[in-house]
């Protein structure tokens, strides 16, 4: 027992005492924040596209005005959404959060495009090749910046008199203007059809502007019945917990794989075998990396709780209630223990057969493909946590820790939770037995890793 704890302490210190470990520990939340902020930054910094709109012939009269009306209505909708978001933020976390939300929404609610005056050479060009050449001159990178355009839209009508358009874009992959023009012309055609049926245009415009006030209610709401952010928070926390479990378990198991593989190649494992049994070595390593994983969890959790307490104290209280009173923290701990045990012993057994990462690719490839499955399914569990496919997959031991964590917000039956957890721990014990035999065989031999050698080791236990 003493040797096992010595190995665990050595394993923990080998990583915890290095600067790289703490840098990588701090890098994860940093990159998580950056990963969430980058799409918003990209969207807020995306330039407003300068677009020219040309009506081709008298039959297209009025279509340019429809495009401008659509731009105006789109701007009005974005301002309304920004105002609603600010009101909700003020109600949830006070005026400071409302000001931050207003600034963010203001940056994100800029118009996607702006209509500019038509250059003289495009306006005077004869439809056909001459017109196309004039358009090309304003869409290439060689054009001076003050003359460069992002798109040119030619509006016309088809044989049935329906609105149509040709959209020239500076970038072939940018369909922003194309999509906006299509929606605008669809709206223009709808108004035209209504007006031809005798419906006043002001009535049509008022109908399109109407935005109903819809309130969501549920018997599971913590308040008077109306669904609030507090009611949706467990869903977000369950999803975040599932991803956090996945990151912690796979990170810890990978550290264990690399540690065993490195010691096998450096003959350190042979030295350890001279003074400790394979069971003590495997147990000590699994325990040492488990403590390392716990250190990462405490560090990430501490950073998250600290940030919430400083910037959003009201949310911090809500999160604490859900974690402690709602029992999410206890389920998280149980799923983490079972999940880590399954993957850690498996990765350690694979590492015992390997001396280089190339050796491990034989088995690691299929395992990593399996691990991608819960990542794809967890996001689906947000809206349909009780879908039959998700329920079935959450009973698969390899997926149970992640999928059941993501499903916790739907309050699955306790029988289902306990049953899935019992299956997970039963399978984890089986993995301990299987991987223990494989680890013993790999540590005591120089056999290269393959499916055949791995199965033979399990059957023979290293004898």
Protein backbone atom coordinates (compact mmCIF):
# COMPACT_ATOMS: atom_id res chain seq x y z
CA UNK A 1 0.00 0.00 0.00
CA UNK A 2 2.85 2.37 0.86
CA UNK A 3 4.50 1.70 -2.51
CA UNK A 4 1.24 2.48 -4.28
CA UNK A 5 0.98 5.90 -2.61
CA UNK A 6 4.64 6.61 -3.33
CA UNK A 7 4.01 5.94 -7.02
CA UNK A 8 0.87 8.13 -6.89
CA UNK A 9 2.84 10.98 -5.29
CA UNK A 10 5.61 10.63 -7.83
CA UNK A 11 3.10 10.64 -10.69
CA UNK A 12 1.38 13.74 -9.34
CA UNK A 13 4.61 15.64 -8.69
CA UNK A 14 6.02 14.79 -12.12
CA UNK A 15 3.36 17.05 -13.68
CA UNK A 16 2.17 19.35 -10.88
CA UNK A 17 5.68 20.67 -10.17
CA UNK A 18 6.25 21.82 -13.75
CA UNK A 19 5.61 25.33 -15.06
CA UNK A 20 4.06 23.95 -18.24
CA UNK A 21 1.29 22.22 -16.31
CA UNK A 22 0.16 25.43 -14.62
CA UNK A 23 0.44 27.40 -17.83
CA UNK A 24 -1.73 24.86 -19.63
CA UNK A 25 -4.10 24.87 -16.65
CA UNK A 26 -4.63 28.60 -17.01
CA UNK A 27 -4.68 28.41 -20.79
CA UNK A 28 -7.83 26.27 -20.92
CA UNK A 29 -10.25 28.82 -19.38
CA UNK A 30 -8.51 31.58 -21.29
CA UNK A 31 -9.00 29.85 -24.62
CA UNK A 32 -12.56 28.89 -23.61
CA UNK A 33 -13.37 32.57 -23.12
CA UNK A 34 -11.58 33.51 -26.32
CA UNK A 35 -13.37 30.74 -28.20
CA UNK A 36 -16.73 32.13 -27.10
CA UNK A 37 -15.75 35.73 -27.77
CA UNK A 38 -14.07 35.29 -31.14
CA UNK A 39 -17.30 34.63 -33.11
CA UNK A 40 -18.84 37.73 -31.53
CA UNK A 41 -15.74 39.77 -32.27
CA UNK A 42 -15.69 38.55 -35.86
CA UNK A 43 -19.36 39.38 -36.29
CA UNK A 44 -19.06 42.80 -34.66
CA UNK A 45 -15.95 43.68 -36.67
CA UNK A 46 -17.34 42.45 -39.98
CA UNK A 47 -17.40 45.40 -42.41
CA UNK A 48 -20.67 46.82 -43.69
CA UNK A 49 -20.89 45.87 -47.34
CA UNK A 50 -21.25 48.72 -49.82
CA UNK A 51 -23.84 47.73 -52.41
CA UNK A 52 -25.11 49.37 -55.57
CA UNK A 53 -28.72 48.69 -56.57
CA UNK A 54 -29.71 49.20 -60.21
CA UNK A 55 -33.24 48.91 -61.62
CA UNK A 56 -33.11 47.47 -65.12
CA UNK A 57 -35.86 49.10 -67.13
CA UNK A 58 -39.21 50.61 -66.18
CA UNK A 59 -40.65 47.20 -65.30
CA UNK A 60 -38.31 47.10 -62.28
CA UNK A 61 -39.47 50.46 -60.92
CA UNK A 62 -40.06 50.34 -57.18
CA UNK A 63 -37.91 47.29 -56.45
CA UNK A 64 -34.98 49.40 -55.21
CA UNK A 65 -37.34 51.06 -52.77
CA UNK A 66 -38.33 47.60 -51.54
CA UNK A 67 -34.68 46.81 -50.83
CA UNK A 68 -34.34 50.05 -48.84
CA UNK A 69 -37.55 49.32 -46.94
CA UNK A 70 -36.23 45.89 -46.01
CA UNK A 71 -33.01 47.46 -44.74
CA UNK A 72 -35.00 49.90 -42.62
CA UNK A 73 -37.24 47.18 -41.20
CA UNK A 74 -34.22 45.00 -40.44
CA UNK A 75 -32.58 47.89 -38.56
CA UNK A 76 -35.80 48.46 -36.59
CA UNK A 77 -35.96 44.78 -35.61
CA UNK A 78 -32.37 44.78 -34.44
CA UNK A 79 -32.97 47.88 -32.30
CA UNK A 80 -36.02 46.22 -30.75
CA UNK A 81 -34.03 43.07 -29.94
CA UNK A 82 -31.26 45.16 -28.39
CA UNK A 83 -33.81 47.00 -26.24
CA UNK A 84 -35.41 43.71 -25.13
CA UNK A 85 -32.02 42.21 -24.28
CA UNK A 86 -31.14 45.29 -22.22
CA UNK A 87 -34.42 45.10 -20.28
CA UNK A 88 -33.90 41.40 -19.51
CA UNK A 89 -30.29 41.99 -18.46
CA UNK A 90 -31.37 44.83 -16.17
CA UNK A 91 -34.04 42.63 -14.58
CA UNK A 92 -31.60 39.75 -14.08
CA UNK A 93 -28.39 41.45 -12.96
CA UNK A 94 -28.83 45.17 -12.65
CA UNK A 95 -27.89 48.22 -14.69
CA UNK A 96 -24.20 47.35 -15.05
CA UNK A 97 -25.04 44.17 -16.92
CA UNK A 98 -27.64 46.07 -18.94
CA UNK A 99 -25.04 48.60 -20.06
CA UNK A 100 -22.68 45.81 -21.10
CA UNK A 101 -25.47 44.06 -22.98
CA UNK A 102 -26.43 47.28 -24.72
CA UNK A 103 -22.86 47.80 -25.91
CA UNK A 104 -22.57 44.21 -27.16
CA UNK A 105 -25.92 44.28 -28.93
CA UNK A 106 -25.08 47.64 -30.46
CA UNK A 107 -21.93 46.17 -31.98
CA UNK A 108 -23.77 43.11 -33.26
CA UNK A 109 -26.83 44.93 -34.61
CA UNK A 110 -25.06 46.93 -37.29
CA UNK A 111 -26.59 46.60 -40.77
CA UNK A 112 -25.02 43.94 -42.96
CA UNK A 113 -25.00 46.20 -46.01
CA UNK A 114 -25.38 49.83 -47.09
CA UNK A 115 -26.75 51.07 -50.40
CA UNK A 116 -24.46 53.60 -52.10
CA UNK A 117 -24.75 55.71 -55.23
CA UNK A 118 -24.36 53.99 -58.57
CA UNK A 119 -21.02 54.79 -60.28
CA UNK A 120 -21.42 56.69 -63.53
CA UNK A 121 -19.73 54.03 -65.67
CA UNK A 122 -22.14 51.32 -64.44
CA UNK A 123 -25.19 53.56 -64.82
CA UNK A 124 -24.27 54.53 -68.40
CA UNK A 125 -23.07 51.13 -69.57
CA UNK A 126 -25.14 49.20 -72.09
CA UNK A 127 -26.62 45.99 -70.67
CA UNK A 128 -24.50 43.03 -71.67
CA UNK A 129 -20.74 42.70 -71.97
CA UNK A 130 -20.03 46.40 -71.47
CA UNK A 131 -22.10 46.50 -68.29
CA UNK A 132 -20.44 43.36 -66.95
CA UNK A 133 -16.96 44.79 -67.56
CA UNK A 134 -17.90 47.99 -65.75
CA UNK A 135 -19.13 45.97 -62.78
CA UNK A 136 -15.99 43.83 -62.69
CA UNK A 137 -13.80 46.94 -62.50
CA UNK A 138 -15.46 47.94 -59.20
CA UNK A 139 -15.32 44.49 -57.59
CA UNK A 140 -11.67 43.53 -57.99
CA UNK A 141 -8.84 44.05 -55.52
CA UNK A 142 -7.04 46.22 -58.07
CA UNK A 143 -9.76 48.87 -57.85
CA UNK A 144 -8.88 51.93 -55.72
CA UNK A 145 -10.51 51.73 -52.29
CA UNK A 146 -12.64 54.80 -52.82
CA UNK A 147 -14.16 53.19 -55.94
CA UNK A 148 -14.35 49.59 -54.73
CA UNK A 149 -17.74 47.95 -54.11
CA UNK A 150 -18.75 44.76 -52.33
CA UNK A 151 -21.71 43.93 -54.57
CA UNK A 152 -23.81 45.21 -57.45
CA UNK A 153 -27.47 44.21 -57.67
CA UNK A 154 -29.47 44.42 -60.90
CA UNK A 155 -33.22 44.31 -60.27
CA UNK A 156 -35.68 43.20 -62.90
CA UNK A 157 -38.79 41.10 -63.35
CA UNK A 158 -39.18 37.66 -64.90
CA UNK A 159 -41.60 36.60 -67.63
CA UNK A 160 -44.45 36.30 -65.11
CA UNK A 161 -43.78 39.78 -63.74
CA UNK A 162 -42.28 38.51 -60.49
CA UNK A 163 -39.30 40.34 -58.92
CA UNK A 164 -35.89 38.92 -59.88
CA UNK A 165 -32.28 39.97 -59.51
CA UNK A 166 -28.71 39.38 -60.60
CA UNK A 167 -26.17 39.82 -57.82
CA UNK A 168 -22.51 40.44 -58.54
CA UNK A 169 -20.32 39.96 -55.43
CA UNK A 170 -16.66 40.74 -54.93
CA UNK A 171 -16.22 37.35 -53.27
CA UNK A 172 -17.80 34.25 -54.77
CA UNK A 173 -18.21 32.70 -51.31
CA UNK A 174 -20.03 35.68 -49.77
CA UNK A 175 -23.79 35.16 -50.11
CA UNK A 176 -24.85 37.80 -47.56
CA UNK A 177 -26.12 40.27 -50.14
CA UNK A 178 -27.68 37.49 -52.20
CA UNK A 179 -29.67 36.21 -49.22
CA UNK A 180 -30.79 39.69 -48.20
CA UNK A 181 -31.95 40.58 -51.72
CA UNK A 182 -33.84 37.29 -52.02
CA UNK A 183 -35.71 37.93 -48.76
CA UNK A 184 -36.42 41.55 -49.71
CA UNK A 185 -37.83 40.58 -53.10
CA UNK A 186 -39.92 37.85 -51.51
CA UNK A 187 -41.39 40.46 -49.18
CA UNK A 188 -41.96 42.86 -52.10
CA UNK A 189 -43.79 40.17 -54.04
CA UNK A 190 -45.95 39.37 -51.02
CA UNK A 191 -46.97 43.01 -50.67
CA UNK A 192 -47.69 43.23 -54.39
CA UNK A 193 -49.95 40.17 -54.25
CA UNK A 194 -51.82 41.54 -51.24
CA UNK A 195 -52.27 44.95 -52.86
CA UNK A 196 -53.57 43.38 -56.07
CA UNK A 197 -56.13 41.60 -53.90
CA UNK A 198 -57.38 44.96 -52.62
CA UNK A 199 -55.47 45.05 -49.31
CA UNK A 200 -54.01 48.46 -48.45
CA UNK A 201 -50.20 48.64 -48.43
CA UNK A 202 -50.16 50.24 -44.96
CA UNK A 203 -52.04 47.22 -43.63
CA UNK A 204 -49.46 44.90 -45.18
CA UNK A 205 -46.57 46.90 -43.71
CA UNK A 206 -48.17 46.98 -40.26
CA UNK A 207 -48.69 43.23 -40.45
CA UNK A 208 -45.04 42.63 -41.28
CA UNK A 209 -43.92 44.87 -38.41
CA UNK A 210 -46.03 43.05 -35.85
CA UNK A 211 -44.00 41.15 -33.24
CA UNK A 212 -46.18 39.28 -30.75
CA UNK A 213 -45.26 39.24 -27.09
CA UNK A 214 -44.88 35.58 -26.19
CA UNK A 215 -44.23 34.42 -22.65
CA UNK A 216 -43.16 30.89 -21.84
CA UNK A 217 -44.70 29.04 -18.90
CA UNK A 218 -43.99 25.63 -17.42
CA UNK A 219 -45.10 23.73 -14.33
CA UNK A 220 -41.39 23.14 -13.65
CA UNK A 221 -40.73 26.87 -13.33
CA UNK A 222 -39.25 27.96 -10.01
CA UNK A 223 -41.38 31.10 -9.92
CA UNK A 224 -45.04 31.79 -10.62
CA UNK A 225 -44.99 29.63 -13.69
CA UNK A 226 -43.29 31.90 -16.21
CA UNK A 227 -40.00 30.50 -17.51
CA UNK A 228 -37.02 32.65 -16.56
CA UNK A 229 -33.27 32.48 -17.03
CA UNK A 230 -33.07 30.72 -13.67
CA UNK A 231 -35.16 27.87 -15.13
CA UNK A 232 -32.93 27.56 -18.20
CA UNK A 233 -29.68 27.76 -16.23
CA UNK A 234 -29.62 24.02 -15.28
CA UNK A 235 -29.75 23.16 -18.99
CA UNK A 236 -26.71 25.33 -19.71
CA UNK A 237 -24.88 24.02 -16.66
CA UNK A 238 -25.62 20.41 -17.59
CA UNK A 239 -24.20 20.93 -21.06
CA UNK A 240 -21.17 22.76 -19.67
CA UNK A 241 -20.72 19.98 -17.10
CA UNK A 242 -20.81 17.33 -19.82
CA UNK A 243 -18.12 19.11 -21.85
CA UNK A 244 -16.06 19.73 -18.70
CA UNK A 245 -16.27 16.04 -17.79
CA UNK A 246 -15.18 15.09 -21.29
CA UNK A 247 -12.22 17.47 -21.13
CA UNK A 248 -11.12 16.38 -17.66
CA UNK A 249 -11.47 12.64 -18.24
CA UNK A 250 -9.79 12.62 -21.63
CA UNK A 251 -7.02 14.95 -20.44
CA UNK A 252 -6.30 12.77 -17.39
CA UNK A 253 -6.43 9.53 -19.36
CA UNK A 254 -4.13 10.99 -22.04
CA UNK A 255 -1.63 12.09 -19.39
CA UNK A 256 -1.66 8.55 -18.02
CA UNK A 257 -1.15 7.07 -21.48
CA UNK A 258 1.82 9.31 -22.19
CA UNK A 259 3.33 8.69 -18.74
CA UNK A 260 3.21 4.90 -19.05
CA UNK A 261 4.40 5.05 -22.67
CA UNK A 262 7.36 7.28 -21.77
CA UNK A 263 8.39 5.10 -18.83
CA UNK A 264 8.13 2.00 -21.00
CA UNK A 265 10.42 3.50 -23.64
CA UNK A 266 12.93 4.79 -21.01
CA UNK A 267 12.98 1.43 -19.16
CA UNK A 268 11.76 3.18 -15.99
CA UNK A 269 8.80 0.81 -15.87
CA UNK A 270 11.22 -2.12 -15.56
CA UNK A 271 12.87 -0.44 -12.56
CA UNK A 272 9.49 0.08 -10.90
CA UNK A 273 8.59 -3.56 -11.52
CA UNK A 274 11.65 -4.63 -9.55
CA UNK A 275 10.25 -3.05 -6.37
CA UNK A 276 6.45 -3.01 -6.87
CA UNK A 277 3.81 -5.22 -8.43
CA UNK A 278 1.98 -4.31 -11.61
CA UNK A 279 -1.21 -3.82 -9.59
CA UNK A 280 0.50 -1.32 -7.29
CA UNK A 281 2.05 0.50 -10.24
CA UNK A 282 -1.24 0.73 -12.15
CA UNK A 283 -3.21 1.77 -9.07
CA UNK A 284 -0.63 4.33 -8.04
CA UNK A 285 -0.48 5.89 -11.48
CA UNK A 286 -4.28 6.03 -11.80
CA UNK A 287 -4.53 7.61 -8.35
CA UNK A 288 -1.74 10.11 -9.03
CA UNK A 289 -3.26 11.32 -12.28
CA UNK A 290 -6.68 11.38 -10.59
CA UNK A 291 -5.27 13.87 -8.07
CA UNK A 292 -3.83 15.83 -10.99
CA UNK A 293 -7.25 15.87 -12.65
CA UNK A 294 -8.83 16.99 -9.38
CA UNK A 295 -6.31 19.83 -9.23
CA UNK A 296 -7.37 20.94 -12.70
CA UNK A 297 -11.04 20.75 -11.73
CA UNK A 298 -10.49 22.81 -8.57
CA UNK A 299 -8.45 25.38 -10.47
CA UNK A 300 -10.98 25.76 -13.30
CA UNK A 301 -13.90 25.70 -10.89
CA UNK A 302 -12.25 28.29 -8.66
CA UNK A 303 -11.60 30.60 -11.60
CA UNK A 304 -15.19 30.22 -12.79
CA UNK A 305 -16.73 30.81 -9.37
CA UNK A 306 -14.44 33.77 -8.74
CA UNK A 307 -15.31 35.38 -12.07
CA UNK A 308 -19.03 34.91 -11.43
CA UNK A 309 -18.81 36.25 -7.89
CA UNK A 310 -17.01 39.38 -9.09
CA UNK A 311 -18.88 40.17 -12.31
CA UNK A 312 -22.27 38.46 -11.83
CA UNK A 313 -22.92 37.82 -8.12
CA UNK A 314 -26.62 37.12 -8.73
CA UNK A 315 -25.75 34.39 -11.23
CA UNK A 316 -23.19 32.99 -8.78
CA UNK A 317 -25.96 32.49 -6.21
CA UNK A 318 -28.15 30.74 -8.79
CA UNK A 319 -25.29 28.46 -9.83
CA UNK A 320 -24.58 27.58 -6.21
CA UNK A 321 -28.22 26.68 -5.58
CA UNK A 322 -28.33 24.40 -8.61
CA UNK A 323 -25.04 22.71 -7.79
CA UNK A 324 -25.73 22.08 -4.10
CA UNK A 325 -29.48 22.08 -3.55
CA UNK A 326 -30.28 20.65 -6.98
CA UNK A 327 -27.76 17.83 -6.49
CA UNK A 328 -25.88 18.50 -9.73
CA UNK A 329 -22.52 18.61 -7.95
CA UNK A 330 -23.02 15.14 -6.45
CA UNK A 331 -24.00 13.64 -9.82
CA UNK A 332 -21.03 15.38 -11.45
CA UNK A 333 -18.63 13.83 -8.90
CA UNK A 334 -20.12 10.35 -9.36
CA UNK A 335 -19.98 10.52 -13.16
CA UNK A 336 -16.44 11.83 -13.03
CA UNK A 337 -15.22 8.96 -10.83
CA UNK A 338 -16.82 6.29 -13.01
CA UNK A 339 -15.85 7.90 -16.30
CA UNK A 340 -12.27 8.54 -15.26
CA UNK A 341 -11.85 5.00 -13.98
CA UNK A 342 -13.05 3.51 -17.26
CA UNK A 343 -10.85 5.55 -19.53
CA UNK A 344 -7.80 5.84 -17.27
CA UNK A 345 -7.19 2.10 -16.90
CA UNK A 346 -7.86 1.56 -20.61
CA UNK A 347 -5.36 4.22 -21.67
CA UNK A 348 -2.81 2.96 -19.15
CA UNK A 349 -3.10 -0.56 -20.57
CA UNK A 350 -2.58 0.74 -24.09
CA UNK A 351 0.46 2.74 -22.93
CA UNK A 352 2.04 -0.39 -21.44
CA UNK A 353 2.35 -1.84 -24.95
CA UNK A 354 3.72 1.33 -26.57
CA UNK A 355 7.02 3.11 -26.71
CA UNK A 356 6.07 5.85 -29.19
CA UNK A 357 2.78 7.64 -30.06
CA UNK A 358 2.84 5.85 -33.41
CA UNK A 359 2.54 2.53 -31.60
CA UNK A 360 -0.63 3.71 -29.83
CA UNK A 361 -2.43 4.76 -33.01
CA UNK A 362 -3.59 1.20 -33.69
CA UNK A 363 -6.09 1.31 -30.83
CA UNK A 364 -6.37 5.04 -30.14
CA UNK A 365 -7.91 5.81 -33.53
CA UNK A 366 -11.11 3.80 -32.98
CA UNK A 367 -11.31 4.92 -29.33
CA UNK A 368 -11.15 8.60 -30.26
CA UNK A 369 -13.84 8.11 -32.90
CA UNK A 370 -16.06 6.65 -30.18
CA UNK A 371 -15.32 9.64 -27.97
CA UNK A 372 -16.56 12.03 -30.65
CA UNK A 373 -20.08 10.59 -30.37
CA UNK A 374 -21.03 12.17 -26.99
CA UNK A 375 -19.69 15.53 -28.15
CA UNK A 376 -22.16 15.49 -31.06
CA UNK A 377 -25.05 14.13 -28.99
CA UNK A 378 -24.71 16.47 -25.98
CA UNK A 379 -25.88 19.53 -27.90
CA UNK A 380 -28.97 17.59 -29.04
CA UNK A 381 -29.78 16.81 -25.41
CA UNK A 382 -30.49 20.50 -24.79
CA UNK A 383 -33.91 20.46 -26.47
CA UNK A 384 -34.71 16.76 -26.70
CA UNK A 385 -33.09 15.13 -23.64
CA UNK A 386 -35.69 12.35 -23.58
CA UNK A 387 -35.45 11.39 -27.24
CA UNK A 388 -35.26 7.57 -27.51
CA UNK A 389 -31.87 7.61 -29.24
CA UNK A 390 -30.36 9.88 -26.57
CA UNK A 391 -31.88 7.78 -23.79
CA UNK A 392 -30.47 4.58 -25.26
CA UNK A 393 -27.01 6.07 -25.84
CA UNK A 394 -26.90 7.44 -22.29
CA UNK A 395 -27.06 3.85 -21.04
CA UNK A 396 -23.90 2.95 -22.99
CA UNK A 397 -21.19 3.03 -20.28
CA UNK A 398 -18.64 4.83 -22.44
CA UNK A 399 -21.18 7.64 -23.04
CA UNK A 400 -23.01 7.63 -19.69
CA UNK A 401 -20.92 10.26 -17.82
CA UNK A 402 -21.29 12.88 -20.54
CA UNK A 403 -24.83 12.28 -21.82
CA UNK A 404 -26.44 11.78 -18.41
CA UNK A 405 -24.81 14.99 -17.21
CA UNK A 406 -26.24 16.84 -20.20
CA UNK A 407 -29.69 15.32 -19.51
CA UNK A 408 -29.84 16.25 -15.81
CA UNK A 409 -31.79 19.45 -16.48
CA UNK A 410 -34.78 17.40 -17.68
CA UNK A 411 -35.02 15.64 -14.30
CA UNK A 412 -34.80 12.06 -15.59
CA UNK A 413 -36.27 9.41 -13.27
CA UNK A 414 -34.02 8.51 -10.35
CA UNK A 415 -34.33 4.86 -11.37
CA UNK A 416 -32.86 5.71 -14.76
CA UNK A 417 -30.02 7.73 -13.23
CA UNK A 418 -29.12 5.05 -10.71
CA UNK A 419 -29.47 2.29 -13.31
CA UNK A 420 -27.20 4.04 -15.82
CA UNK A 421 -24.69 4.82 -13.08
CA UNK A 422 -24.72 1.22 -11.83
CA UNK A 423 -24.07 0.02 -15.38
CA UNK A 424 -21.25 2.52 -15.72
CA UNK A 425 -19.53 1.42 -12.50
CA UNK A 426 -20.04 -2.26 -13.31
CA UNK A 427 -18.43 -1.71 -16.69
CA UNK A 428 -15.67 0.36 -15.04
CA UNK A 429 -14.84 -2.59 -12.76
CA UNK A 430 -14.77 -4.87 -15.79
CA UNK A 431 -12.41 -2.43 -17.49
CA UNK A 432 -10.18 -2.47 -14.39
CA UNK A 433 -9.95 -6.26 -14.57
CA UNK A 434 -9.41 -6.34 -18.36
CA UNK A 435 -6.95 -3.45 -18.42
CA UNK A 436 -5.09 -4.82 -15.39
CA UNK A 437 -4.37 -8.04 -17.25
CA UNK A 438 -3.38 -6.14 -20.39
CA UNK A 439 -1.17 -3.74 -18.38
CA UNK A 440 0.59 -6.67 -16.71
CA UNK A 441 1.24 -8.32 -20.06
CA UNK A 442 2.44 -5.12 -21.73
CA UNK A 443 4.69 -4.10 -18.84
CA UNK A 444 6.39 -7.50 -18.72
CA UNK A 445 6.99 -7.94 -22.45
CA UNK A 446 8.29 -6.14 -25.52
CA UNK A 447 5.35 -7.15 -27.71
CA UNK A 448 4.22 -4.37 -30.06
CA UNK A 449 0.66 -3.15 -29.65
CA UNK A 450 -1.98 -4.58 -31.97
CA UNK A 451 -5.51 -5.79 -31.60
CA UNK A 452 -4.24 -9.37 -31.57
CA UNK A 453 -1.60 -8.79 -28.87
CA UNK A 454 -4.06 -6.76 -26.78
CA UNK A 455 -6.72 -9.51 -26.84
CA UNK A 456 -4.09 -12.20 -26.20
CA UNK A 457 -2.88 -10.25 -23.16
CA UNK A 458 -6.40 -10.03 -21.78
CA UNK A 459 -6.92 -13.75 -22.17
CA UNK A 460 -3.56 -14.76 -20.79
CA UNK A 461 -3.07 -12.02 -18.20
CA UNK A 462 0.61 -11.88 -18.97
CA UNK A 463 1.34 -15.48 -18.24
